[in-house]
Amino acid sequence: MEDLESIIMELLVNAGSARSQALTALQLARKGDFEAPKKRMEESHEFVKHAHKIQTQLIGLDEGSGKLPVNLITVHSQDHLMNAMVIQDLAGDLIEIYRRLPPRN
């Protein structure tokens, strides 16, 4: 059980890091920086990729038959991953909009 908690925490940390990197990229673009956000978004996607691998591992362990206990931290980690992915999509679109706006003084 302790192993499972560690795996779930790793998913949670990676999803949270993905979210943070995407939001940082958005903040940088809002200030007119369009190079640094590329790296932040790449890092965000790497964090999501890692979190998704963990999620797939958990699904495989469960085998769709309820073998793994579902508790609040499990649901919370899944929620974080979903939110990170949505924020990535929105951040990418907003960064592109900022790029098209005339420069601010």
PDB file of N, CA and C in Angstrom:
ATOM      1  N   MET A   1       0.827  -1.202   0.000  1.00  0.00           N
ATOM      2  CA  MET A   1       0.000   0.000   0.000  1.00  0.00           C
ATOM      3  C   MET A   1       0.864   1.256   0.000  1.00  0.00           C
ATOM      4  N   GLU A   2       1.969   1.232   0.741  1.00  0.00           N
ATOM      5  CA  GLU A   2       2.868   2.389   0.784  1.00  0.00           C
ATOM      6  C   GLU A   2       3.447   2.676  -0.600  1.00  0.00           C
ATOM      7  N   ASP A   3       3.754   1.616  -1.338  1.00  0.00           N
ATOM      8  CA  ASP A   3       4.248   1.763  -2.704  1.00  0.00           C
ATOM      9  C   ASP A   3       3.225   2.469  -3.579  1.00  0.00           C
ATOM     10  N   LEU A   4       1.968   2.085  -3.449  1.00  0.00           N
ATOM     11  CA  LEU A   4       0.893   2.686  -4.218  1.00  0.00           C
ATOM     12  C   LEU A   4       0.780   4.179  -3.906  1.00  0.00           C
ATOM     13  N   GLU A   5       0.883   4.521  -2.644  1.00  0.00           N
ATOM     14  CA  GLU A   5       0.819   5.936  -2.261  1.00  0.00           C
ATOM     15  C   GLU A   5       1.964   6.726  -2.875  1.00  0.00           C
ATOM     16  N   SER A   6       3.140   6.147  -2.935  1.00  0.00           N
ATOM     17  CA  SER A   6       4.291   6.817  -3.551  1.00  0.00           C
ATOM     18  C   SER A   6       4.064   7.040  -5.041  1.00  0.00           C
ATOM     19  N   ILE A   7       3.489   6.045  -5.693  1.00  0.00           N
ATOM     20  CA  ILE A   7       3.204   6.155  -7.129  1.00  0.00           C
ATOM     21  C   ILE A   7       2.182   7.261  -7.374  1.00  0.00           C
ATOM     22  N   ILE A   8       1.147   7.292  -6.559  1.00  0.00           N
ATOM     23  CA  ILE A   8       0.111   8.317  -6.706  1.00  0.00           C
ATOM     24  C   ILE A   8       0.687   9.702  -6.427  1.00  0.00           C
ATOM     25  N   MET A   9       1.552   9.809  -5.419  1.00  0.00           N
ATOM     26  CA  MET A   9       2.175  11.103  -5.128  1.00  0.00           C
ATOM     27  C   MET A   9       3.068  11.558  -6.282  1.00  0.00           C
ATOM     28  N   GLU A  10       3.747  10.623  -6.920  1.00  0.00           N
ATOM     29  CA  GLU A  10       4.587  10.961  -8.070  1.00  0.00           C
ATOM     30  C   GLU A  10       3.723  11.487  -9.221  1.00  0.00           C
ATOM     31  N   LEU A  11       2.573  10.868  -9.432  1.00  0.00           N
ATOM     32  CA  LEU A  11       1.648  11.352 -10.450  1.00  0.00           C
ATOM     33  C   LEU A  11       1.216  12.781 -10.106  1.00  0.00           C
ATOM     34  N   LEU A  12       0.871  12.991  -8.865  1.00  0.00           N
ATOM     35  CA  LEU A  12       0.411  14.305  -8.400  1.00  0.00           C
ATOM     36  C   LEU A  12       1.491  15.373  -8.579  1.00  0.00           C
ATOM     37  N   VAL A  13       2.708  15.061  -8.207  1.00  0.00           N
ATOM     38  CA  VAL A  13       3.817  16.020  -8.325  1.00  0.00           C
ATOM     39  C   VAL A  13       4.088  16.359  -9.792  1.00  0.00           C
ATOM     40  N   ASN A  14       4.088  15.361 -10.651  1.00  0.00           N
ATOM     41  CA  ASN A  14       4.332  15.610 -12.067  1.00  0.00           C
ATOM     42  C   ASN A  14       3.215  16.426 -12.699  1.00  0.00           C
ATOM     43  N   ALA A  15       1.988  16.123 -12.346  1.00  0.00           N
ATOM     44  CA  ALA A  15       0.859  16.887 -12.875  1.00  0.00           C
ATOM     45  C   ALA A  15       0.917  18.337 -12.386  1.00  0.00           C
ATOM     46  N   GLY A  16       1.233  18.526 -11.117  1.00  0.00           N
ATOM     47  CA  GLY A  16       1.352  19.889 -10.577  1.00  0.00           C
ATOM     48  C   GLY A  16       2.481  20.665 -11.225  1.00  0.00           C
ATOM     49  N   SER A  17       3.596  19.993 -11.490  1.00  0.00           N
ATOM     50  CA  SER A  17       4.726  20.651 -12.156  1.00  0.00           C
ATOM     51  C   SER A  17       4.365  21.021 -13.590  1.00  0.00           C
ATOM     52  N   ALA A  18       3.621  20.167 -14.255  1.00  0.00           N
ATOM     53  CA  ALA A  18       3.173  20.466 -15.625  1.00  0.00           C
ATOM     54  C   ALA A  18       2.300  21.714 -15.629  1.00  0.00           C
ATOM     55  N   ARG A  19       1.390  21.779 -14.699  1.00  0.00           N
ATOM     56  CA  ARG A  19       0.501  22.940 -14.581  1.00  0.00           C
ATOM     57  C   ARG A  19       1.306  24.205 -14.323  1.00  0.00           C
ATOM     58  N   SER A  20       2.232  24.135 -13.389  1.00  0.00           N
ATOM     59  CA  SER A  20       3.049  25.305 -13.040  1.00  0.00           C
ATOM     60  C   SER A  20       3.873  25.805 -14.227  1.00  0.00           C
ATOM     61  N   GLN A  21       4.473  24.883 -14.954  1.00  0.00           N
ATOM     62  CA  GLN A  21       5.293  25.280 -16.107  1.00  0.00           C
ATOM     63  C   GLN A  21       4.431  25.945 -17.179  1.00  0.00           C
ATOM     64  N   ALA A  22       3.249  25.417 -17.436  1.00  0.00           N
ATOM     65  CA  ALA A  22       2.367  26.009 -18.438  1.00  0.00           C
ATOM     66  C   ALA A  22       1.919  27.404 -18.011  1.00  0.00           C
ATOM     67  N   LEU A  23       1.594  27.576 -16.740  1.00  0.00           N
ATOM     68  CA  LEU A  23       1.176  28.893 -16.262  1.00  0.00           C
ATOM     69  C   LEU A  23       2.333  29.893 -16.277  1.00  0.00           C
ATOM     70  N   THR A  24       3.537  29.422 -15.986  1.00  0.00           N
ATOM     71  CA  THR A  24       4.712  30.290 -16.070  1.00  0.00           C
ATOM     72  C   THR A  24       4.946  30.720 -17.511  1.00  0.00           C
ATOM     73  N   ALA A  25       4.792  29.798 -18.446  1.00  0.00           N
ATOM     74  CA  ALA A  25       4.936  30.133 -19.866  1.00  0.00           C
ATOM     75  C   ALA A  25       3.937  31.211 -20.263  1.00  0.00           C
ATOM     76  N   LEU A  26       2.735  31.087 -19.778  1.00  0.00           N
ATOM     77  CA  LEU A  26       1.692  32.072 -20.083  1.00  0.00           C
ATOM     78  C   LEU A  26       2.041  33.442 -19.504  1.00  0.00           C
ATOM     79  N   GLN A  27       2.545  33.474 -18.287  1.00  0.00           N
ATOM     80  CA  GLN A  27       2.942  34.740 -17.657  1.00  0.00           C
ATOM     81  C   GLN A  27       4.077  35.407 -18.432  1.00  0.00           C
ATOM     82  N   LEU A  28       5.024  34.616 -18.894  1.00  0.00           N
ATOM     83  CA  LEU A  28       6.142  35.162 -19.672  1.00  0.00           C
ATOM     84  C   LEU A  28       5.656  35.752 -20.993  1.00  0.00           C
ATOM     85  N   ALA A  29       4.752  35.039 -21.647  1.00  0.00           N
ATOM     86  CA  ALA A  29       4.215  35.531 -22.920  1.00  0.00           C
ATOM     87  C   ALA A  29       3.415  36.811 -22.715  1.00  0.00           C
ATOM     88  N   ARG A  30       2.701  36.894 -21.610  1.00  0.00           N
ATOM     89  CA  ARG A  30       1.925  38.095 -21.310  1.00  0.00           C
ATOM     90  C   ARG A  30       2.845  39.313 -21.222  1.00  0.00           C
ATOM     91  N   LYS A  31       4.098  39.090 -20.792  1.00  0.00           N
ATOM     92  CA  LYS A  31       5.071  40.178 -20.676  1.00  0.00           C
ATOM     93  C   LYS A  31       5.806  40.443 -21.983  1.00  0.00           C
ATOM     94  N   GLY A  32       5.486  39.673 -23.035  1.00  0.00           N
ATOM     95  CA  GLY A  32       6.099  39.895 -24.337  1.00  0.00           C
ATOM     96  C   GLY A  32       7.286  38.999 -24.644  1.00  0.00           C
ATOM     97  N   ASP A  33       7.589  38.054 -23.767  1.00  0.00           N
ATOM     98  CA  ASP A  33       8.685  37.109 -24.004  1.00  0.00           C
ATOM     99  C   ASP A  33       8.091  35.886 -24.692  1.00  0.00           C
ATOM    100  N   PHE A  34       8.594  35.569 -25.887  1.00  0.00           N
ATOM    101  CA  PHE A  34       8.034  34.442 -26.617  1.00  0.00           C
ATOM    102  C   PHE A  34       9.034  33.308 -26.832  1.00  0.00           C
ATOM    103  N   GLU A  35      10.264  33.473 -26.349  1.00  0.00           N
ATOM    104  CA  GLU A  35      11.253  32.392 -26.447  1.00  0.00           C
ATOM    105  C   GLU A  35      11.214  31.497 -25.206  1.00  0.00           C
ATOM    106  N   ALA A  36      11.235  32.097 -24.044  1.00  0.00           N
ATOM    107  CA  ALA A  36      11.225  31.324 -22.800  1.00  0.00           C
ATOM    108  C   ALA A  36       9.974  30.448 -22.656  1.00  0.00           C
ATOM    109  N   PRO A  37       8.812  30.922 -23.084  1.00  0.00           N
ATOM    110  CA  PRO A  37       7.632  30.061 -22.961  1.00  0.00           C
ATOM    111  C   PRO A  37       7.735  28.743 -23.737  1.00  0.00           C
ATOM    112  N   LYS A  38       8.479  28.726 -24.828  1.00  0.00           N
ATOM    113  CA  LYS A  38       8.643  27.484 -25.588  1.00  0.00           C
ATOM    114  C   LYS A  38       9.249  26.409 -24.692  1.00  0.00           C
ATOM    115  N   LYS A  39      10.311  26.777 -23.986  1.00  0.00           N
ATOM    116  CA  LYS A  39      10.992  25.817 -23.099  1.00  0.00           C
ATOM    117  C   LYS A  39      10.070  25.395 -21.956  1.00  0.00           C
ATOM    118  N   ARG A  40       9.369  26.347 -21.393  1.00  0.00           N
ATOM    119  CA  ARG A  40       8.452  26.034 -20.282  1.00  0.00           C
ATOM    120  C   ARG A  40       7.348  25.082 -20.744  1.00  0.00           C
ATOM    121  N   MET A  41       6.823  25.312 -21.941  1.00  0.00           N
ATOM    122  CA  MET A  41       5.766  24.429 -22.451  1.00  0.00           C
ATOM    123  C   MET A  41       6.323  23.043 -22.763  1.00  0.00           C
ATOM    124  N   GLU A  42       7.541  22.980 -23.280  1.00  0.00           N
ATOM    125  CA  GLU A  42       8.166  21.670 -23.521  1.00  0.00           C
ATOM    126  C   GLU A  42       8.325  20.912 -22.200  1.00  0.00           C
ATOM    127  N   GLU A  43       8.763  21.624 -21.159  1.00  0.00           N
ATOM    128  CA  GLU A  43       8.908  20.997 -19.846  1.00  0.00           C
ATOM    129  C   GLU A  43       7.547  20.544 -19.316  1.00  0.00           C
ATOM    130  N   SER A  44       6.545  21.373 -19.510  1.00  0.00           N
ATOM    131  CA  SER A  44       5.197  21.025 -19.078  1.00  0.00           C
ATOM    132  C   SER A  44       4.730  19.739 -19.751  1.00  0.00           C
ATOM    133  N   HIS A  45       4.979  19.633 -21.050  1.00  0.00           N
ATOM    134  CA  HIS A  45       4.569  18.429 -21.784  1.00  0.00           C
ATOM    135  C   HIS A  45       5.336  17.194 -21.307  1.00  0.00           C
ATOM    136  N   GLU A  46       6.592  17.362 -20.942  1.00  0.00           N
ATOM    137  CA  GLU A  46       7.368  16.234 -20.414  1.00  0.00           C
ATOM    138  C   GLU A  46       6.807  15.764 -19.071  1.00  0.00           C
ATOM    139  N   PHE A  47       6.433  16.712 -18.224  1.00  0.00           N
ATOM    140  CA  PHE A  47       5.826  16.350 -16.936  1.00  0.00           C
ATOM    141  C   PHE A  47       4.513  15.596 -17.150  1.00  0.00           C
ATOM    142  N   VAL A  48       3.691  16.063 -18.095  1.00  0.00           N
ATOM    143  CA  VAL A  48       2.426  15.376 -18.378  1.00  0.00           C
ATOM    144  C   VAL A  48       2.693  13.983 -18.936  1.00  0.00           C
ATOM    145  N   LYS A  49       3.685  13.887 -19.803  1.00  0.00           N
ATOM    146  CA  LYS A  49       4.010  12.582 -20.379  1.00  0.00           C
ATOM    147  C   LYS A  49       4.375  11.590 -19.270  1.00  0.00           C
ATOM    148  N   HIS A  50       5.175  12.052 -18.323  1.00  0.00           N
ATOM    149  CA  HIS A  50       5.572  11.182 -17.214  1.00  0.00           C
ATOM    150  C   HIS A  50       4.354  10.828 -16.345  1.00  0.00           C
ATOM    151  N   ALA A  51       3.525  11.823 -16.050  1.00  0.00           N
ATOM    152  CA  ALA A  51       2.326  11.579 -15.244  1.00  0.00           C
ATOM    153  C   ALA A  51       1.393  10.600 -15.962  1.00  0.00           C
ATOM    154  N   HIS A  52       1.287  10.739 -17.271  1.00  0.00           N
ATOM    155  CA  HIS A  52       0.413   9.851 -18.034  1.00  0.00           C
ATOM    156  C   HIS A  52       0.923   8.409 -17.997  1.00  0.00           C
ATOM    157  N   LYS A  53       2.249   8.233 -18.023  1.00  0.00           N
ATOM    158  CA  LYS A  53       2.817   6.888 -17.901  1.00  0.00           C
ATOM    159  C   LYS A  53       2.457   6.274 -16.549  1.00  0.00           C
ATOM    160  N   ILE A  54       2.504   7.096 -15.511  1.00  0.00           N
ATOM    161  CA  ILE A  54       2.146   6.617 -14.176  1.00  0.00           C
ATOM    162  C   ILE A  54       0.667   6.248 -14.144  1.00  0.00           C
ATOM    163  N   GLN A  55      -0.163   7.093 -14.731  1.00  0.00           N
ATOM    164  CA  GLN A  55      -1.594   6.828 -14.782  1.00  0.00           C
ATOM    165  C   GLN A  55      -1.862   5.507 -15.513  1.00  0.00           C
ATOM    166  N   THR A  56      -1.177   5.286 -16.616  1.00  0.00           N
ATOM    167  CA  THR A  56      -1.327   4.048 -17.379  1.00  0.00           C
ATOM    168  C   THR A  56      -0.901   2.843 -16.550  1.00  0.00           C
ATOM    169  N   GLN A  57       0.173   3.010 -15.785  1.00  0.00           N
ATOM    170  CA  GLN A  57       0.636   1.943 -14.898  1.00  0.00           C
ATOM    171  C   GLN A  57      -0.440   1.601 -13.861  1.00  0.00           C
ATOM    172  N   LEU A  58      -1.045   2.622 -13.288  1.00  0.00           N
ATOM    173  CA  LEU A  58      -2.097   2.397 -12.296  1.00  0.00           C
ATOM    174  C   LEU A  58      -3.308   1.709 -12.916  1.00  0.00           C
ATOM    175  N   ILE A  59      -3.668   2.121 -14.104  1.00  0.00           N
ATOM    176  CA  ILE A  59      -4.798   1.487 -14.790  1.00  0.00           C
ATOM    177  C   ILE A  59      -4.491   0.014 -15.047  1.00  0.00           C
ATOM    178  N   GLY A  60      -3.254  -0.258 -15.450  1.00  0.00           N
ATOM    179  CA  GLY A  60      -2.842  -1.642 -15.680  1.00  0.00           C
ATOM    180  C   GLY A  60      -2.886  -2.480 -14.411  1.00  0.00           C
ATOM    181  N   LEU A  61      -2.476  -1.891 -13.304  1.00  0.00           N
ATOM    182  CA  LEU A  61      -2.521  -2.611 -12.027  1.00  0.00           C
ATOM    183  C   LEU A  61      -3.953  -2.915 -11.605  1.00  0.00           C
ATOM    184  N   ASP A  62      -4.844  -1.990 -11.899  1.00  0.00           N
ATOM    185  CA  ASP A  62      -6.245  -2.154 -11.511  1.00  0.00           C
ATOM    186  C   ASP A  62      -6.965  -3.154 -12.421  1.00  0.00           C
ATOM    187  N   GLU A  63      -6.546  -3.247 -13.662  1.00  0.00           N
ATOM    188  CA  GLU A  63      -7.142  -4.147 -14.653  1.00  0.00           C
ATOM    189  C   GLU A  63      -8.643  -3.939 -14.816  1.00  0.00           C
ATOM    190  N   GLY A  64      -9.112  -2.733 -14.521  1.00  0.00           N
ATOM    191  CA  GLY A  64     -10.525  -2.427 -14.691  1.00  0.00           C
ATOM    192  C   GLY A  64     -11.453  -3.202 -13.761  1.00  0.00           C
ATOM    193  N   SER A  65     -10.892  -3.805 -12.735  1.00  0.00           N
ATOM    194  CA  SER A  65     -11.732  -4.629 -11.864  1.00  0.00           C
ATOM    195  C   SER A  65     -11.766  -4.148 -10.414  1.00  0.00           C
ATOM    196  N   GLY A  66     -11.313  -2.931 -10.181  1.00  0.00           N
ATOM    197  CA  GLY A  66     -11.376  -2.386  -8.831  1.00  0.00           C
ATOM    198  C   GLY A  66     -10.369  -2.971  -7.864  1.00  0.00           C
ATOM    199  N   LYS A  67      -9.231  -3.432  -8.387  1.00  0.00           N
ATOM    200  CA  LYS A  67      -8.208  -4.004  -7.510  1.00  0.00           C
ATOM    201  C   LYS A  67      -7.507  -2.947  -6.658  1.00  0.00           C
ATOM    202  N   LEU A  68      -7.446  -1.731  -7.184  1.00  0.00           N
ATOM    203  CA  LEU A  68      -6.788  -0.650  -6.446  1.00  0.00           C
ATOM    204  C   LEU A  68      -7.830   0.154  -5.686  1.00  0.00           C
ATOM    205  N   PRO A  69      -7.511   0.531  -4.455  1.00  0.00           N
ATOM    206  CA  PRO A  69      -8.458   1.353  -3.701  1.00  0.00           C
ATOM    207  C   PRO A  69      -8.518   2.765  -4.274  1.00  0.00           C
ATOM    208  N   VAL A  70      -9.710   3.292  -4.344  1.00  0.00           N
ATOM    209  CA  VAL A  70      -9.888   4.665  -4.802  1.00  0.00           C
ATOM    210  C   VAL A  70     -10.112   5.511  -3.555  1.00  0.00           C
ATOM    211  N   ASN A  71      -9.167   6.426  -3.326  1.00  0.00           N
ATOM    212  CA  ASN A  71      -9.287   7.310  -2.175  1.00  0.00           C
ATOM    213  C   ASN A  71      -9.160   8.751  -2.646  1.00  0.00           C
ATOM    214  N   LEU A  72      -9.241   9.663  -1.738  1.00  0.00           N
ATOM    215  CA  LEU A  72      -9.256  11.078  -2.094  1.00  0.00           C
ATOM    216  C   LEU A  72      -7.971  11.500  -2.810  1.00  0.00           C
ATOM    217  N   ILE A  73      -6.813  11.001  -2.389  1.00  0.00           N
ATOM    218  CA  ILE A  73      -5.555  11.406  -3.023  1.00  0.00           C
ATOM    219  C   ILE A  73      -5.466  10.877  -4.454  1.00  0.00           C
ATOM    220  N   THR A  74      -6.041   9.710  -4.706  1.00  0.00           N
ATOM    221  CA  THR A  74      -6.071   9.170  -6.062  1.00  0.00           C
ATOM    222  C   THR A  74      -6.919  10.059  -6.963  1.00  0.00           C
ATOM    223  N   VAL A  75      -8.087  10.404  -6.498  1.00  0.00           N
ATOM    224  CA  VAL A  75      -8.973  11.278  -7.264  1.00  0.00           C
ATOM    225  C   VAL A  75      -8.322  12.641  -7.457  1.00  0.00           C
ATOM    226  N   HIS A  76      -7.698  13.143  -6.424  1.00  0.00           N
ATOM    227  CA  HIS A  76      -7.025  14.444  -6.477  1.00  0.00           C
ATOM    228  C   HIS A  76      -5.912  14.436  -7.527  1.00  0.00           C
ATOM    229  N   SER A  77      -5.134  13.370  -7.579  1.00  0.00           N
ATOM    230  CA  SER A  77      -4.041  13.291  -8.554  1.00  0.00           C
ATOM    231  C   SER A  77      -4.579  13.245  -9.980  1.00  0.00           C
ATOM    232  N   GLN A  78      -5.667  12.531 -10.186  1.00  0.00           N
ATOM    233  CA  GLN A  78      -6.283  12.468 -11.509  1.00  0.00           C
ATOM    234  C   GLN A  78      -6.833  13.839 -11.906  1.00  0.00           C
ATOM    235  N   ASP A  79      -7.407  14.533 -10.938  1.00  0.00           N
ATOM    236  CA  ASP A  79      -7.927  15.879 -11.176  1.00  0.00           C
ATOM    237  C   ASP A  79      -6.794  16.826 -11.577  1.00  0.00           C
ATOM    238  N   HIS A  80      -5.666  16.722 -10.891  1.00  0.00           N
ATOM    239  CA  HIS A  80      -4.507  17.556 -11.224  1.00  0.00           C
ATOM    240  C   HIS A  80      -4.013  17.291 -12.637  1.00  0.00           C
ATOM    241  N   LEU A  81      -3.967  16.027 -13.014  1.00  0.00           N
ATOM    242  CA  LEU A  81      -3.510  15.689 -14.362  1.00  0.00           C
ATOM    243  C   LEU A  81      -4.455  16.253 -15.417  1.00  0.00           C
ATOM    244  N   MET A  82      -5.734  16.076 -15.221  1.00  0.00           N
ATOM    245  CA  MET A  82      -6.703  16.606 -16.167  1.00  0.00           C
ATOM    246  C   MET A  82      -6.587  18.128 -16.276  1.00  0.00           C
ATOM    247  N   ASN A  83      -6.481  18.800 -15.140  1.00  0.00           N
ATOM    248  CA  ASN A  83      -6.356  20.260 -15.150  1.00  0.00           C
ATOM    249  C   ASN A  83      -5.070  20.709 -15.830  1.00  0.00           C
ATOM    250  N   ALA A  84      -3.981  20.003 -15.602  1.00  0.00           N
ATOM    251  CA  ALA A  84      -2.713  20.357 -16.244  1.00  0.00           C
ATOM    252  C   ALA A  84      -2.838  20.275 -17.755  1.00  0.00           C
ATOM    253  N   MET A  85      -3.504  19.244 -18.236  1.00  0.00           N
ATOM    254  CA  MET A  85      -3.653  19.076 -19.679  1.00  0.00           C
ATOM    255  C   MET A  85      -4.541  20.163 -20.279  1.00  0.00           C
ATOM    256  N   VAL A  86      -5.603  20.533 -19.576  1.00  0.00           N
ATOM    257  CA  VAL A  86      -6.483  21.609 -20.051  1.00  0.00           C
ATOM    258  C   VAL A  86      -5.723  22.935 -20.048  1.00  0.00           C
ATOM    259  N   ILE A  87      -4.971  23.192 -18.993  1.00  0.00           N
ATOM    260  CA  ILE A  87      -4.206  24.432 -18.906  1.00  0.00           C
ATOM    261  C   ILE A  87      -3.160  24.494 -20.010  1.00  0.00           C
ATOM    262  N   GLN A  88      -2.530  23.377 -20.328  1.00  0.00           N
ATOM    263  CA  GLN A  88      -1.572  23.353 -21.439  1.00  0.00           C
ATOM    264  C   GLN A  88      -2.239  23.797 -22.739  1.00  0.00           C
ATOM    265  N   ASP A  89      -3.393  23.236 -23.018  1.00  0.00           N
ATOM    266  CA  ASP A  89      -4.103  23.589 -24.248  1.00  0.00           C
ATOM    267  C   ASP A  89      -4.442  25.069 -24.289  1.00  0.00           C
ATOM    268  N   LEU A  90      -4.991  25.568 -23.199  1.00  0.00           N
ATOM    269  CA  LEU A  90      -5.371  26.975 -23.151  1.00  0.00           C
ATOM    270  C   LEU A  90      -4.150  27.896 -23.184  1.00  0.00           C
ATOM    271  N   ALA A  91      -3.102  27.524 -22.465  1.00  0.00           N
ATOM    272  CA  ALA A  91      -1.885  28.345 -22.451  1.00  0.00           C
ATOM    273  C   ALA A  91      -1.293  28.433 -23.848  1.00  0.00           C
ATOM    274  N   GLY A  92      -1.260  27.318 -24.559  1.00  0.00           N
ATOM    275  CA  GLY A  92      -0.732  27.332 -25.929  1.00  0.00           C
ATOM    276  C   GLY A  92      -1.500  28.290 -26.819  1.00  0.00           C
ATOM    277  N   ASP A  93      -2.825  28.269 -26.720  1.00  0.00           N
ATOM    278  CA  ASP A  93      -3.646  29.175 -27.525  1.00  0.00           C
ATOM    279  C   ASP A  93      -3.455  30.632 -27.102  1.00  0.00           C
ATOM    280  N   LEU A  94      -3.416  30.877 -25.802  1.00  0.00           N
ATOM    281  CA  LEU A  94      -3.255  32.255 -25.329  1.00  0.00           C
ATOM    282  C   LEU A  94      -1.876  32.811 -25.673  1.00  0.00           C
ATOM    283  N   ILE A  95      -0.856  31.983 -25.596  1.00  0.00           N
ATOM    284  CA  ILE A  95       0.494  32.434 -25.983  1.00  0.00           C
ATOM    285  C   ILE A  95       0.498  32.857 -27.442  1.00  0.00           C
ATOM    286  N   GLU A  96      -0.174  32.092 -28.277  1.00  0.00           N
ATOM    287  CA  GLU A  96      -0.258  32.446 -29.705  1.00  0.00           C
ATOM    288  C   GLU A  96      -1.013  33.753 -29.899  1.00  0.00           C
ATOM    289  N   ILE A  97      -2.051  33.977 -29.135  1.00  0.00           N
ATOM    290  CA  ILE A  97      -2.782  35.245 -29.218  1.00  0.00           C
ATOM    291  C   ILE A  97      -1.883  36.395 -28.786  1.00  0.00           C
ATOM    292  N   TYR A  98      -1.152  36.239 -27.668  1.00  0.00           N
ATOM    293  CA  TYR A  98      -0.228  37.287 -27.221  1.00  0.00           C
ATOM    294  C   TYR A  98       0.819  37.576 -28.290  1.00  0.00           C
ATOM    295  N   ARG A  99       1.292  36.540 -28.968  1.00  0.00           N
ATOM    296  CA  ARG A  99       2.311  36.703 -30.008  1.00  0.00           C
ATOM    297  C   ARG A  99       1.782  37.576 -31.160  1.00  0.00           C
ATOM    298  N   ARG A 100       0.503  37.454 -31.450  1.00  0.00           N
ATOM    299  CA  ARG A 100      -0.094  38.193 -32.568  1.00  0.00           C
ATOM    300  C   ARG A 100      -0.469  39.631 -32.216  1.00  0.00           C
ATOM    301  N   LEU A 101      -0.530  39.940 -30.939  1.00  0.00           N
ATOM    302  CA  LEU A 101      -0.876  41.305 -30.519  1.00  0.00           C
ATOM    303  C   LEU A 101       0.292  42.249 -30.783  1.00  0.00           C
ATOM    304  N   PRO A 102      -0.013  43.511 -31.029  1.00  0.00           N
ATOM    305  CA  PRO A 102       1.083  44.473 -31.172  1.00  0.00           C
ATOM    306  C   PRO A 102       1.842  44.608 -29.861  1.00  0.00           C
ATOM    307  N   PRO A 103       3.157  44.858 -29.927  1.00  0.00           N
ATOM    308  CA  PRO A 103       3.968  44.988 -28.694  1.00  0.00           C
ATOM    309  C   PRO A 103       3.447  46.120 -27.808  1.00  0.00           C
ATOM    310  N   ARG A 104       3.529  45.882 -26.491  1.00  0.00           N
ATOM    311  CA  ARG A 104       3.125  46.909 -25.532  1.00  0.00           C
ATOM    312  C   ARG A 104       4.365  47.648 -25.043  1.00  0.00           C
ATOM    313  N   ASN A 105       4.207  48.890 -24.707  1.00  0.00           N
ATOM    314  CA  ASN A 105       5.332  49.695 -24.201  1.00  0.00           C
ATOM    315  C   ASN A 105       5.409  49.634 -22.723  1.00  0.00           C
TER     316      ASN A 105
END
